[in-house]
Structures are given as structure tokens and as C-alpha cells.
Amino acid sequence: MLQANRVSQITVLSEPALSAIPGIVHGFSTRRAEHNAFTLGPSNSENPAIPINRARFLDAVGMTGWPILKLKQTHSNTVHDFKDTWAASQPVEGDAAITALRGAALGIQTADCVPILIADKNARVVAAVHAGWRGTANRIVENSVRQMIQAYGVTPESLTAVIGPHNAVCCYEVGEEVVAAVNDPEAIQRTPQWPKPHLNQALANKRQLLGLGIPEAQILVSTLCTQCRADLFYSYRRDGERSGRMLSVIGILP
């Protein structure tokens, strides 16, 4: 279960299972700060508060001064392996990142999609994954873990994965085209009360992680729904174009 910490008036969520890994630093942002409007995106916004908020959030997490290796998220299955910090100034297109760099933050921006943070138990490599329904259908988290294994020689048994706050099955109504694209009947819920099926994004991604051999006890899933919890989170489905963004970050201590 995610734990909430209040640091410099900013509410940050963290997962004890990741915090317990020596050398791993991480955090999930919320909208709670001085005025319950602590937005960290969109990254292309002209809002002058966003870069200030990002610096404050990194400081609250314990990443003061760390560069954020940026992605221009496109709902793809593209994974980048960052071996230097050039992406801190020039984002690249993709929806997941892995790195063995120390003192650099991988960041994923969300406002309903699923943020997934992954770390090796020996802090050799970390990953940050952005999985909306398209990314889930394209098996972005599976692709990310496969690249971690191939590039860094880690094993599935050594990995801990945390599925952060997202638009949960209670609210995530989808069309039949999404059902067909995701192609995971276990992750689809239908009830007489709902006119359309609902997608369990977390379960779909968890099943992909399980399929790779990560032990179930090492896959932690947040039950917090971004659409339900307007007090804690931004939600694109609830708020539309005016929605802010959360940021989920992970990195390895220098």
C-alpha cells in the first residue's frame, strides 16, 4: 500500500517495497500542496509554475538537483535505455525508459494512465513506464522488462514493480475496440449497471508482469483511482483539457 508523506507542504506517495531497496529513490506526486493545485505538467505547458513545481517535487522525493530524463509520451511501445543525461534537455518520443545511471530521474507524466515503476533488488537498473490502454495493448511494460533483462542481465525474480494511481476499473469505461485491442478477457469487467465494459488497467499490466516471471508478491498495485479521488489527483477524463498532470519518478542514488 502506498504511503503518504508531507514534505515542504507537498504530499508525496511512496511504496515501502521500493523504499526498502538500498539505493532506490522514487515517488508519485499528487495535486496536494499549498492550494491543492500542484501540477507537474503537461510538459509543453507555458505555465511558469510547472518547472518550479517539478524542482520542488524532486526535492521532496530526495532527488534535489537531479536531471529528469524526459520522454515525449505518445502511447507507443517504445522503450529508451538512457546511458547519458542528454535527454534532460531534449525529450525523445517513447513511453518507457530504463537506466543504470546514478543521480538521474526517470519520469512518467500521467492523469489517468498507469504509471509503473520498476527496480532491481541490487539497484543495478530501474524503469519508469507509461501505460494507457494503447500502451497496455502494445505490451509496453512487458517490452520494458524484457529490455531490462537483456541489457543488464537481471532476472524477473530480482525485480519489484509498483503500479501507481490510475483510472481504476470502477471508472474506466471503454468501447469494444479497446476490449479487442487489449485482448485480455480477465481485465474486462461487465455489469448490468454499466452500459459499456470497463477496463482494469492495473490487472492487465500485472498479468503481463506475471507472465514474465516476476513473483506476484513483488508486484504492488495501488487501488487509488485518479477519477474518483479529485482531492488527490488530476484526471483527464474528469477534468478534460484543463487537467493538470502527476509525475512519477524513480532513480538510483549516486
C-alpha atoms as a PDB file:
ATOM      1  CA  MET A   1       0.000   0.000   0.000  1.00  0.00           C
ATOM      2  CA  LEU A   2       1.316   3.433  -0.923  1.00  0.00           C
ATOM      3  CA  GLN A   3       2.294   5.663   1.967  1.00  0.00           C
ATOM      4  CA  ALA A   4       1.675   9.411   2.016  1.00  0.00           C
ATOM      5  CA  ASN A   5       4.365  11.772   3.239  1.00  0.00           C
ATOM      6  CA  ARG A   6       4.112  15.528   3.621  1.00  0.00           C
ATOM      7  CA  VAL A   7       7.361  17.302   2.752  1.00  0.00           C
ATOM      8  CA  SER A   8       7.558  21.098   2.448  1.00  0.00           C
ATOM      9  CA  GLN A   9       3.757  21.197   2.123  1.00  0.00           C
ATOM     10  CA  ILE A  10       3.852  18.701  -0.778  1.00  0.00           C
ATOM     11  CA  THR A  11       2.095  15.345  -0.449  1.00  0.00           C
ATOM     12  CA  VAL A  12       4.201  12.562  -1.973  1.00  0.00           C
ATOM     13  CA  LEU A  13       3.238   8.889  -2.235  1.00  0.00           C
ATOM     14  CA  SER A  14       5.801   6.094  -1.964  1.00  0.00           C
ATOM     15  CA  GLU A  15       5.803   2.304  -1.904  1.00  0.00           C
ATOM     16  CA  PRO A  16       7.625   0.705   1.061  1.00  0.00           C
ATOM     17  CA  ALA A  17       8.739  -2.252  -1.063  1.00  0.00           C
ATOM     18  CA  LEU A  18      10.716   0.100  -3.320  1.00  0.00           C
ATOM     19  CA  SER A  19      11.916   2.258  -0.430  1.00  0.00           C
ATOM     20  CA  ALA A  20      13.356  -0.885   1.166  1.00  0.00           C
ATOM     21  CA  ILE A  21      15.765  -1.437  -1.741  1.00  0.00           C
ATOM     22  CA  PRO A  22      19.085   0.235  -0.835  1.00  0.00           C
ATOM     23  CA  GLY A  23      19.942   2.930  -3.361  1.00  0.00           C
ATOM     24  CA  ILE A  24      16.475   3.327  -4.874  1.00  0.00           C
ATOM     25  CA  VAL A  25      14.684   6.682  -4.711  1.00  0.00           C
ATOM     26  CA  HIS A  26      11.141   7.120  -6.014  1.00  0.00           C
ATOM     27  CA  GLY A  27       7.849   8.930  -5.580  1.00  0.00           C
ATOM     28  CA  PHE A  28       4.377   9.501  -7.014  1.00  0.00           C
ATOM     29  CA  SER A  29       3.144  13.089  -6.982  1.00  0.00           C
ATOM     30  CA  THR A  30      -0.340  14.269  -6.004  1.00  0.00           C
ATOM     31  CA  ARG A  31      -2.117  17.561  -6.529  1.00  0.00           C
ATOM     32  CA  ARG A  32      -1.820  18.404  -2.835  1.00  0.00           C
ATOM     33  CA  ALA A  33       0.377  21.308  -1.869  1.00  0.00           C
ATOM     34  CA  GLU A  34      -0.422  24.780  -0.575  1.00  0.00           C
ATOM     35  CA  HIS A  35      -3.555  25.210  -2.706  1.00  0.00           C
ATOM     36  CA  ASN A  36      -4.408  21.647  -3.818  1.00  0.00           C
ATOM     37  CA  ALA A  37      -3.369  22.559  -7.354  1.00  0.00           C
ATOM     38  CA  PHE A  38       0.175  21.227  -7.513  1.00  0.00           C
ATOM     39  CA  THR A  39       0.505  20.352 -11.185  1.00  0.00           C
ATOM     40  CA  LEU A  40       3.672  18.956 -12.775  1.00  0.00           C
ATOM     41  CA  GLY A  41       2.555  19.096 -16.390  1.00  0.00           C
ATOM     42  CA  PRO A  42       1.770  18.983 -19.230  1.00  0.00           C
ATOM     43  CA  SER A  43       5.452  19.319 -20.024  1.00  0.00           C
ATOM     44  CA  ASN A  44       4.681  21.530 -23.067  1.00  0.00           C
ATOM     45  CA  SER A  45       2.572  23.919 -20.995  1.00  0.00           C
ATOM     46  CA  GLU A  46       3.569  27.571 -20.718  1.00  0.00           C
ATOM     47  CA  ASN A  47       2.511  27.584 -17.062  1.00  0.00           C
ATOM     48  CA  PRO A  48       5.582  29.105 -15.317  1.00  0.00           C
ATOM     49  CA  ALA A  49       4.774  27.197 -12.112  1.00  0.00           C
ATOM     50  CA  ILE A  50       5.430  23.772 -13.664  1.00  0.00           C
ATOM     51  CA  PRO A  51       9.263  23.838 -13.713  1.00  0.00           C
ATOM     52  CA  ILE A  52       9.224  25.294 -10.200  1.00  0.00           C
ATOM     53  CA  ASN A  53       6.805  22.591  -9.032  1.00  0.00           C
ATOM     54  CA  ARG A  54       8.947  19.886 -10.600  1.00  0.00           C
ATOM     55  CA  ALA A  55      12.043  21.124  -8.801  1.00  0.00           C
ATOM     56  CA  ARG A  56      10.122  21.231  -5.509  1.00  0.00           C
ATOM     57  CA  PHE A  57       8.770  17.720  -6.065  1.00  0.00           C
ATOM     58  CA  LEU A  58      12.230  16.292  -6.796  1.00  0.00           C
ATOM     59  CA  ASP A  59      13.498  17.957  -3.634  1.00  0.00           C
ATOM     60  CA  ALA A  60      10.625  16.426  -1.622  1.00  0.00           C
ATOM     61  CA  VAL A  61      11.374  12.973  -3.047  1.00  0.00           C
ATOM     62  CA  GLY A  62      15.095  13.210  -2.292  1.00  0.00           C
ATOM     63  CA  MET A  63      16.337  13.954  -5.807  1.00  0.00           C
ATOM     64  CA  THR A  64      17.457  17.546  -5.321  1.00  0.00           C
ATOM     65  CA  GLY A  65      19.250  18.776  -8.418  1.00  0.00           C
ATOM     66  CA  TRP A  66      18.830  15.538 -10.338  1.00  0.00           C
ATOM     67  CA  PRO A  67      18.107  15.848 -14.077  1.00  0.00           C
ATOM     68  CA  ILE A  68      14.834  14.318 -15.297  1.00  0.00           C
ATOM     69  CA  LEU A  69      15.349  12.139 -18.368  1.00  0.00           C
ATOM     70  CA  LYS A  70      12.381  13.252 -20.396  1.00  0.00           C
ATOM     71  CA  LEU A  71      10.027  11.398 -22.694  1.00  0.00           C
ATOM     72  CA  LYS A  72       7.559  12.827 -25.182  1.00  0.00           C
ATOM     73  CA  GLN A  73       4.818  10.315 -24.438  1.00  0.00           C
ATOM     74  CA  THR A  74       2.885   9.076 -27.468  1.00  0.00           C
ATOM     75  CA  HIS A  75       1.027   5.954 -26.213  1.00  0.00           C
ATOM     76  CA  SER A  76       3.528   3.715 -28.003  1.00  0.00           C
ATOM     77  CA  ASN A  77       5.504   0.611 -27.035  1.00  0.00           C
ATOM     78  CA  THR A  78       8.847   2.391 -27.430  1.00  0.00           C
ATOM     79  CA  VAL A  79      11.360   1.934 -24.606  1.00  0.00           C
ATOM     80  CA  HIS A  80      14.512   4.050 -24.266  1.00  0.00           C
ATOM     81  CA  ASP A  81      17.638   2.907 -22.483  1.00  0.00           C
ATOM     82  CA  PHE A  82      19.241   6.124 -21.250  1.00  0.00           C
ATOM     83  CA  LYS A  83      23.006   5.859 -20.944  1.00  0.00           C
ATOM     84  CA  ASP A  84      23.676   9.591 -20.512  1.00  0.00           C
ATOM     85  CA  THR A  85      21.718  12.660 -19.409  1.00  0.00           C
ATOM     86  CA  TRP A  86      21.253  14.433 -22.733  1.00  0.00           C
ATOM     87  CA  ALA A  87      17.506  13.716 -22.605  1.00  0.00           C
ATOM     88  CA  ALA A  88      17.236  16.045 -19.612  1.00  0.00           C
ATOM     89  CA  SER A  89      17.212  18.953 -22.068  1.00  0.00           C
ATOM     90  CA  GLN A  90      15.693  17.332 -25.174  1.00  0.00           C
ATOM     91  CA  PRO A  91      12.838  14.831 -24.727  1.00  0.00           C
ATOM     92  CA  VAL A  92      12.608  11.825 -27.020  1.00  0.00           C
ATOM     93  CA  GLU A  93       9.432  10.081 -28.138  1.00  0.00           C
ATOM     94  CA  GLY A  94       8.527   6.994 -26.166  1.00  0.00           C
ATOM     95  CA  ASP A  95       6.512   5.716 -23.243  1.00  0.00           C
ATOM     96  CA  ALA A  96       9.020   3.883 -21.082  1.00  0.00           C
ATOM     97  CA  ALA A  97      12.599   4.354 -20.011  1.00  0.00           C
ATOM     98  CA  ILE A  98      15.235   2.230 -18.337  1.00  0.00           C
ATOM     99  CA  THR A  99      18.603   3.305 -16.993  1.00  0.00           C
ATOM    100  CA  ALA A 100      21.540   2.252 -14.867  1.00  0.00           C
ATOM    101  CA  LEU A 101      22.670   5.866 -14.488  1.00  0.00           C
ATOM    102  CA  ARG A 102      23.047   7.132 -10.947  1.00  0.00           C
ATOM    103  CA  GLY A 103      21.757  10.513  -9.834  1.00  0.00           C
ATOM    104  CA  ALA A 104      19.269  10.850 -12.707  1.00  0.00           C
ATOM    105  CA  ALA A 105      15.474  10.597 -12.515  1.00  0.00           C
ATOM    106  CA  LEU A 106      13.239   8.708 -14.897  1.00  0.00           C
ATOM    107  CA  GLY A 107       9.880  10.481 -15.015  1.00  0.00           C
ATOM    108  CA  ILE A 108       6.442   9.495 -16.279  1.00  0.00           C
ATOM    109  CA  GLN A 109       3.610  12.035 -16.584  1.00  0.00           C
ATOM    110  CA  THR A 110       0.029  10.832 -16.082  1.00  0.00           C
ATOM    111  CA  ALA A 111      -3.526  11.987 -15.480  1.00  0.00           C
ATOM    112  CA  ASP A 112      -5.442   8.651 -15.665  1.00  0.00           C
ATOM    113  CA  CYS A 113      -2.979   6.334 -17.419  1.00  0.00           C
ATOM    114  CA  VAL A 114      -0.978   3.809 -15.406  1.00  0.00           C
ATOM    115  CA  PRO A 115       2.468   4.793 -14.085  1.00  0.00           C
ATOM    116  CA  ILE A 116       4.666   1.766 -13.369  1.00  0.00           C
ATOM    117  CA  LEU A 117       7.989   1.993 -11.529  1.00  0.00           C
ATOM    118  CA  ILE A 118      10.351  -0.997 -11.534  1.00  0.00           C
ATOM    119  CA  ALA A 119      13.646  -1.617  -9.744  1.00  0.00           C
ATOM    120  CA  ASP A 120      16.177  -4.417  -9.478  1.00  0.00           C
ATOM    121  CA  LYS A 121      16.845  -5.563  -5.901  1.00  0.00           C
ATOM    122  CA  ASN A 122      20.544  -4.709  -6.278  1.00  0.00           C
ATOM    123  CA  ALA A 123      19.789  -1.222  -7.677  1.00  0.00           C
ATOM    124  CA  ARG A 124      21.522  -2.017 -10.942  1.00  0.00           C
ATOM    125  CA  VAL A 125      18.729  -0.732 -13.171  1.00  0.00           C
ATOM    126  CA  VAL A 126      15.346   0.998 -12.886  1.00  0.00           C
ATOM    127  CA  ALA A 127      12.419   1.604 -15.222  1.00  0.00           C
ATOM    128  CA  ALA A 128       9.507   4.009 -15.500  1.00  0.00           C
ATOM    129  CA  VAL A 129       6.571   3.026 -17.720  1.00  0.00           C
ATOM    130  CA  HIS A 130       3.550   4.978 -19.008  1.00  0.00           C
ATOM    131  CA  ALA A 131       0.736   2.555 -19.871  1.00  0.00           C
ATOM    132  CA  GLY A 132      -2.615   3.832 -21.076  1.00  0.00           C
ATOM    133  CA  TRP A 133      -4.899   1.407 -22.840  1.00  0.00           C
ATOM    134  CA  ARG A 134      -2.870   1.700 -26.043  1.00  0.00           C
ATOM    135  CA  GLY A 135       0.381   1.078 -24.224  1.00  0.00           C
ATOM    136  CA  THR A 136      -1.234  -1.811 -22.389  1.00  0.00           C
ATOM    137  CA  ALA A 137      -2.459  -3.269 -25.683  1.00  0.00           C
ATOM    138  CA  ASN A 138       1.052  -2.825 -27.123  1.00  0.00           C
ATOM    139  CA  ARG A 139       2.526  -4.552 -24.029  1.00  0.00           C
ATOM    140  CA  ILE A 140       4.764  -1.636 -23.126  1.00  0.00           C
ATOM    141  CA  VAL A 141       5.530  -2.931 -19.631  1.00  0.00           C
ATOM    142  CA  GLU A 142       6.440  -6.358 -20.979  1.00  0.00           C
ATOM    143  CA  ASN A 143       8.733  -4.754 -23.540  1.00  0.00           C
ATOM    144  CA  SER A 144      10.365  -2.676 -20.795  1.00  0.00           C
ATOM    145  CA  VAL A 145      11.111  -5.652 -18.559  1.00  0.00           C
ATOM    146  CA  ARG A 146      12.471  -7.698 -21.455  1.00  0.00           C
ATOM    147  CA  GLN A 147      14.894  -4.886 -22.256  1.00  0.00           C
ATOM    148  CA  MET A 148      15.981  -4.660 -18.600  1.00  0.00           C
ATOM    149  CA  ILE A 149      16.715  -8.389 -18.625  1.00  0.00           C
ATOM    150  CA  GLN A 150      18.527  -8.358 -21.964  1.00  0.00           C
ATOM    151  CA  ALA A 151      20.567  -5.200 -21.401  1.00  0.00           C
ATOM    152  CA  TYR A 152      21.510  -5.619 -17.741  1.00  0.00           C
ATOM    153  CA  GLY A 153      21.318  -9.327 -17.007  1.00  0.00           C
ATOM    154  CA  VAL A 154      18.772  -9.029 -14.218  1.00  0.00           C
ATOM    155  CA  THR A 155      16.256 -11.790 -13.600  1.00  0.00           C
ATOM    156  CA  PRO A 156      12.475 -11.431 -13.235  1.00  0.00           C
ATOM    157  CA  GLU A 157      12.801 -12.723  -9.670  1.00  0.00           C
ATOM    158  CA  SER A 158      15.032  -9.757  -8.789  1.00  0.00           C
ATOM    159  CA  LEU A 159      12.502  -7.122  -9.879  1.00  0.00           C
ATOM    160  CA  THR A 160       9.925  -5.199  -7.860  1.00  0.00           C
ATOM    161  CA  ALA A 161       7.190  -3.410  -9.826  1.00  0.00           C
ATOM    162  CA  VAL A 162       4.765  -0.819  -8.497  1.00  0.00           C
ATOM    163  CA  ILE A 163       1.609   0.089 -10.398  1.00  0.00           C
ATOM    164  CA  GLY A 164       0.720   3.589  -9.240  1.00  0.00           C
ATOM    165  CA  PRO A 165      -2.545   5.568  -9.030  1.00  0.00           C
ATOM    166  CA  HIS A 166      -4.564   5.431 -12.242  1.00  0.00           C
ATOM    167  CA  ASN A 167      -8.112   5.478 -13.604  1.00  0.00           C
ATOM    168  CA  ALA A 168      -9.348   2.293 -11.970  1.00  0.00           C
ATOM    169  CA  VAL A 169     -11.870  -0.267 -13.181  1.00  0.00           C
ATOM    170  CA  CYS A 170     -14.649   1.489 -11.260  1.00  0.00           C
ATOM    171  CA  CYS A 171     -14.446   4.448 -13.661  1.00  0.00           C
ATOM    172  CA  TYR A 172     -12.576   3.325 -16.763  1.00  0.00           C
ATOM    173  CA  GLU A 173     -15.374   2.795 -19.293  1.00  0.00           C
ATOM    174  CA  VAL A 174     -14.137   1.680 -22.730  1.00  0.00           C
ATOM    175  CA  GLY A 175     -15.516   0.711 -26.118  1.00  0.00           C
ATOM    176  CA  GLU A 176     -15.430  -2.691 -27.742  1.00  0.00           C
ATOM    177  CA  GLU A 177     -12.473  -1.596 -29.875  1.00  0.00           C
ATOM    178  CA  VAL A 178     -10.422  -1.199 -26.693  1.00  0.00           C
ATOM    179  CA  VAL A 179     -11.566  -4.603 -25.450  1.00  0.00           C
ATOM    180  CA  ALA A 180     -10.382  -6.145 -28.717  1.00  0.00           C
ATOM    181  CA  ALA A 181      -7.064  -4.271 -28.690  1.00  0.00           C
ATOM    182  CA  VAL A 182      -6.150  -5.165 -25.104  1.00  0.00           C
ATOM    183  CA  ASN A 183      -7.206  -8.780 -25.763  1.00  0.00           C
ATOM    184  CA  ASP A 184      -7.291  -9.829 -22.111  1.00  0.00           C
ATOM    185  CA  PRO A 185     -10.741 -11.033 -21.004  1.00  0.00           C
ATOM    186  CA  GLU A 186      -9.548 -11.266 -17.390  1.00  0.00           C
ATOM    187  CA  ALA A 187      -9.029  -7.491 -17.369  1.00  0.00           C
ATOM    188  CA  ILE A 188     -12.503  -6.647 -18.714  1.00  0.00           C
ATOM    189  CA  GLN A 189     -15.413  -6.202 -16.335  1.00  0.00           C
ATOM    190  CA  ARG A 190     -19.050  -6.028 -17.362  1.00  0.00           C
ATOM    191  CA  THR A 191     -22.036  -5.452 -15.094  1.00  0.00           C
ATOM    192  CA  PRO A 192     -25.738  -4.758 -15.740  1.00  0.00           C
ATOM    193  CA  GLN A 193     -25.231  -1.326 -14.164  1.00  0.00           C
ATOM    194  CA  TRP A 194     -22.622  -0.285 -16.729  1.00  0.00           C
ATOM    195  CA  PRO A 195     -23.736   0.425 -20.321  1.00  0.00           C
ATOM    196  CA  LYS A 196     -20.204  -0.299 -21.581  1.00  0.00           C
ATOM    197  CA  PRO A 197     -17.385  -2.590 -20.450  1.00  0.00           C
ATOM    198  CA  HIS A 198     -14.753  -1.318 -18.028  1.00  0.00           C
ATOM    199  CA  LEU A 199     -11.033  -1.993 -18.347  1.00  0.00           C
ATOM    200  CA  ASN A 200      -8.933  -2.947 -15.335  1.00  0.00           C
ATOM    201  CA  GLN A 201      -5.702  -1.336 -16.492  1.00  0.00           C
ATOM    202  CA  ALA A 202      -3.779  -2.438 -13.431  1.00  0.00           C
ATOM    203  CA  LEU A 203      -4.761  -6.083 -13.778  1.00  0.00           C
ATOM    204  CA  ALA A 204      -3.888  -6.167 -17.469  1.00  0.00           C
ATOM    205  CA  ASN A 205      -0.392  -4.851 -16.755  1.00  0.00           C
ATOM    206  CA  LYS A 206       0.028  -7.042 -13.685  1.00  0.00           C
ATOM    207  CA  ARG A 207      -0.781 -10.113 -15.788  1.00  0.00           C
ATOM    208  CA  GLN A 208       1.913  -9.112 -18.269  1.00  0.00           C
ATOM    209  CA  LEU A 209       4.431  -8.818 -15.430  1.00  0.00           C
ATOM    210  CA  LEU A 210       3.377 -12.175 -14.007  1.00  0.00           C
ATOM    211  CA  GLY A 211       3.765 -13.724 -17.438  1.00  0.00           C
ATOM    212  CA  LEU A 212       7.408 -12.665 -17.449  1.00  0.00           C
ATOM    213  CA  GLY A 213       8.072 -14.459 -14.166  1.00  0.00           C
ATOM    214  CA  ILE A 214       8.034 -11.601 -11.671  1.00  0.00           C
ATOM    215  CA  PRO A 215       6.691 -13.046  -8.396  1.00  0.00           C
ATOM    216  CA  GLU A 216       3.205 -11.830  -7.513  1.00  0.00           C
ATOM    217  CA  ALA A 217       4.383 -10.678  -4.090  1.00  0.00           C
ATOM    218  CA  GLN A 218       6.787  -8.295  -5.869  1.00  0.00           C
ATOM    219  CA  ILE A 219       4.060  -6.628  -7.947  1.00  0.00           C
ATOM    220  CA  LEU A 220       2.369  -3.934  -5.869  1.00  0.00           C
ATOM    221  CA  VAL A 221      -0.843  -2.352  -7.158  1.00  0.00           C
ATOM    222  CA  SER A 222      -2.336   0.924  -5.951  1.00  0.00           C
ATOM    223  CA  THR A 223      -6.122   0.903  -5.542  1.00  0.00           C
ATOM    224  CA  LEU A 224      -6.317   4.702  -5.666  1.00  0.00           C
ATOM    225  CA  CYS A 225      -8.465   5.905  -8.576  1.00  0.00           C
ATOM    226  CA  THR A 226      -7.494   9.184 -10.198  1.00  0.00           C
ATOM    227  CA  GLN A 227     -11.028   9.877 -11.408  1.00  0.00           C
ATOM    228  CA  CYS A 228     -12.662   9.149  -8.044  1.00  0.00           C
ATOM    229  CA  ARG A 229     -10.122  10.994  -5.903  1.00  0.00           C
ATOM    230  CA  ALA A 230     -10.377  14.603  -7.051  1.00  0.00           C
ATOM    231  CA  ASP A 231      -8.893  15.591  -3.696  1.00  0.00           C
ATOM    232  CA  LEU A 232      -5.628  13.827  -4.519  1.00  0.00           C
ATOM    233  CA  PHE A 233      -5.250  13.529  -8.272  1.00  0.00           C
ATOM    234  CA  TYR A 234      -5.783  15.122 -11.631  1.00  0.00           C
ATOM    235  CA  SER A 235      -7.933  13.191 -14.108  1.00  0.00           C
ATOM    236  CA  TYR A 236      -8.140  13.909 -17.817  1.00  0.00           C
ATOM    237  CA  ARG A 237     -11.428  12.046 -18.098  1.00  0.00           C
ATOM    238  CA  ARG A 238     -12.918  14.040 -15.254  1.00  0.00           C
ATOM    239  CA  ASP A 239     -11.357  17.455 -15.936  1.00  0.00           C
ATOM    240  CA  GLY A 240     -10.730  17.454 -19.689  1.00  0.00           C
ATOM    241  CA  GLU A 241      -8.180  19.724 -21.348  1.00  0.00           C
ATOM    242  CA  ARG A 242      -7.746  21.835 -18.222  1.00  0.00           C
ATOM    243  CA  SER A 243      -6.452  18.858 -16.269  1.00  0.00           C
ATOM    244  CA  GLY A 244      -3.042  19.096 -14.660  1.00  0.00           C
ATOM    245  CA  ARG A 245      -0.621  16.176 -14.505  1.00  0.00           C
ATOM    246  CA  MET A 246       1.078  13.996 -11.912  1.00  0.00           C
ATOM    247  CA  LEU A 247       4.680  12.875 -12.131  1.00  0.00           C
ATOM    248  CA  SER A 248       6.071   9.507 -11.071  1.00  0.00           C
ATOM    249  CA  VAL A 249       9.847   9.276 -10.706  1.00  0.00           C
ATOM    250  CA  ILE A 250      12.473   6.669  -9.907  1.00  0.00           C
ATOM    251  CA  GLY A 251      16.250   6.700  -9.821  1.00  0.00           C
ATOM    252  CA  ILE A 252      19.427   5.277  -8.284  1.00  0.00           C
ATOM    253  CA  LEU A 253      21.413   7.172  -5.685  1.00  0.00           C
ATOM    254  CA  PRO A 254      24.882   8.352  -6.759  1.00  0.00           C
END
